[in-house]
Amino acid sequence: MKKMIIFEPAMCCSTGVCGPSVDPELLRLSTVINNLKKNGILVERYNLSSNPQIFVDNTEINRMLNTNGVEILPVTMVDDKVVKIKTYPTDEEICKHLDISEKYLKGTVAKITRGCGCKDGCCS
């Protein structure tokens, strides 16, 4: 499975619901990431104010910040390669980069269960 990491600028929360106005883009991203997690797909998110050490430890992010400043954030990486800078990935981009269907973004995908789902596990 591919690994997506989003490095975000300093902010007080990742949901976009704090402060004087709601950021719909952060709210969308939080919802998408929560839906992915429910479906077993983990997307890591790091905020510069909450997780500064990861920005130092990641060689590529550290280099980008030293060269371009914090204006480069957010930065999205997939399997240690930068795939997007300065804006969050769209739903379509997330699906493309993770090689998943859009149904994973909308809610829980039906899990394959043993049997047909009948009371006894098999139809007569």
Protein backbone atom coordinates (compact mmCIF):
# COMPACT_ATOMS: atom_id res chain seq x y z
CA MET A 1 0.00 0.00 0.00
CA LYS A 2 1.20 3.48 -0.80
CA LYS A 3 1.98 5.92 1.99
CA MET A 4 0.74 9.53 1.85
CA ILE A 5 2.03 12.21 4.22
CA ILE A 6 0.77 15.80 4.30
CA PHE A 7 3.04 18.42 5.87
CA GLU A 8 0.95 21.42 6.90
CA PRO A 9 1.71 24.99 7.93
CA ALA A 10 1.47 25.99 11.58
CA MET A 11 -2.14 26.14 12.73
CA CYS A 12 -4.03 25.56 15.94
CA CYS A 13 -6.02 22.56 14.68
CA SER A 14 -6.29 20.32 11.62
CA THR A 15 -10.06 20.43 11.24
CA GLY A 16 -10.47 24.03 10.14
CA VAL A 17 -13.25 24.66 12.66
CA CYS A 18 -11.24 26.74 15.11
CA GLY A 19 -10.77 30.47 14.93
CA PRO A 20 -13.14 33.11 13.61
CA SER A 21 -14.15 31.23 10.43
CA VAL A 22 -14.33 27.64 9.19
CA ASP A 23 -11.88 26.66 6.45
CA PRO A 24 -13.93 24.41 4.14
CA GLU A 25 -10.80 22.93 2.56
CA LEU A 26 -9.45 21.72 5.91
CA LEU A 27 -12.87 20.40 6.84
CA ARG A 28 -13.03 18.47 3.52
CA LEU A 29 -9.56 17.04 4.04
CA SER A 30 -10.31 15.99 7.63
CA THR A 31 -13.49 14.23 6.49
CA VAL A 32 -11.69 12.45 3.64
CA ILE A 33 -8.82 11.33 5.88
CA ASN A 34 -11.26 10.06 8.53
CA ASN A 35 -13.16 8.08 5.87
CA LEU A 36 -9.90 6.63 4.55
CA LYS A 37 -8.90 5.61 8.07
CA LYS A 38 -12.28 3.86 8.57
CA ASN A 39 -11.43 1.88 5.42
CA GLY A 40 -7.97 0.90 6.63
CA ILE A 41 -6.03 3.48 4.62
CA LEU A 42 -3.77 5.67 6.72
CA VAL A 43 -2.77 9.15 5.59
CA GLU A 44 -0.37 10.88 7.95
CA ARG A 45 -0.73 14.60 8.62
CA TYR A 46 1.85 16.76 10.36
CA ASN A 47 1.31 20.32 11.50
CA LEU A 48 4.41 22.53 11.78
CA SER A 49 3.37 23.89 15.18
CA SER A 50 2.41 20.49 16.66
CA ASN A 51 5.05 18.25 15.06
CA PRO A 52 8.09 20.41 14.25
CA GLN A 53 10.61 17.57 14.61
CA ILE A 54 9.22 15.63 11.63
CA PHE A 55 9.86 18.70 9.45
CA VAL A 56 13.50 18.64 10.58
CA ASP A 57 13.88 14.87 10.28
CA ASN A 58 12.45 14.60 6.76
CA THR A 59 15.38 15.56 4.53
CA GLU A 60 13.27 16.64 1.54
CA ILE A 61 10.82 18.76 3.57
CA ASN A 62 13.70 20.32 5.51
CA ARG A 63 15.46 21.23 2.23
CA MET A 64 12.25 22.65 0.73
CA LEU A 65 11.54 24.79 3.79
CA ASN A 66 15.11 26.11 3.89
CA THR A 67 14.98 26.95 0.17
CA ASN A 68 11.40 28.23 -0.18
CA GLY A 69 10.19 29.04 3.33
CA VAL A 70 6.89 28.03 4.91
CA GLU A 71 5.00 29.42 1.90
CA ILE A 72 5.65 26.04 0.24
CA LEU A 73 3.27 24.34 2.73
CA PRO A 74 1.17 22.28 2.56
CA VAL A 75 3.36 19.65 0.90
CA THR A 76 2.00 16.22 0.03
CA MET A 77 4.34 13.26 -0.33
CA VAL A 78 3.55 9.76 -1.55
CA ASP A 79 6.14 7.07 -0.92
CA ASP A 80 8.72 9.77 -0.05
CA LYS A 81 8.19 11.72 -3.30
CA VAL A 82 6.66 15.20 -3.39
CA VAL A 83 3.45 15.11 -5.43
CA LYS A 84 1.87 18.47 -4.55
CA ILE A 85 2.92 21.79 -3.02
CA LYS A 86 1.17 24.92 -1.76
CA THR A 87 -2.35 23.40 -1.81
CA TYR A 88 -4.01 20.30 -0.45
CA PRO A 89 -4.64 17.39 -2.79
CA THR A 90 -8.12 17.15 -4.29
CA ASP A 91 -10.23 14.05 -3.76
CA GLU A 92 -9.35 12.92 -7.27
CA GLU A 93 -5.63 13.42 -6.65
CA ILE A 94 -5.79 11.45 -3.41
CA CYS A 95 -7.43 8.55 -5.25
CA LYS A 96 -4.91 8.72 -8.08
CA HIS A 97 -1.86 8.86 -5.81
CA LEU A 98 -3.08 6.07 -3.52
CA ASP A 99 -4.50 3.94 -6.36
CA ILE A 100 -7.92 3.70 -4.72
CA SER A 101 -11.52 4.17 -5.76
CA GLU A 102 -13.41 7.34 -4.79
CA LYS A 103 -15.81 5.20 -2.76
CA TYR A 104 -13.08 5.02 -0.09
CA LEU A 105 -13.38 8.78 0.41
CA LYS A 106 -17.13 8.85 0.94
CA GLY A 107 -17.59 6.38 3.75
CA THR A 108 -17.03 2.85 4.81
CA VAL A 109 -16.60 0.41 1.97
CA ALA A 110 -18.55 -2.80 2.51
CA LYS A 111 -16.21 -5.42 3.83
CA ILE A 112 -16.24 -8.89 2.32
CA THR A 113 -17.73 -11.23 4.86
CA ARG A 114 -17.80 -14.95 5.07
CA GLY A 115 -20.94 -16.50 3.65
CA CYS A 116 -23.86 -14.79 2.03
CA GLY A 117 -24.98 -12.76 5.02
CA CYS A 118 -27.96 -14.95 5.85
CA LYS A 119 -28.75 -15.79 9.44
CA ASP A 120 -26.88 -19.10 9.29
CA GLY A 121 -24.20 -17.97 6.84
CA CYS A 122 -25.48 -19.82 3.79
CA CYS A 123 -28.62 -19.81 1.74
CA SER A 124 -30.73 -22.92 1.50
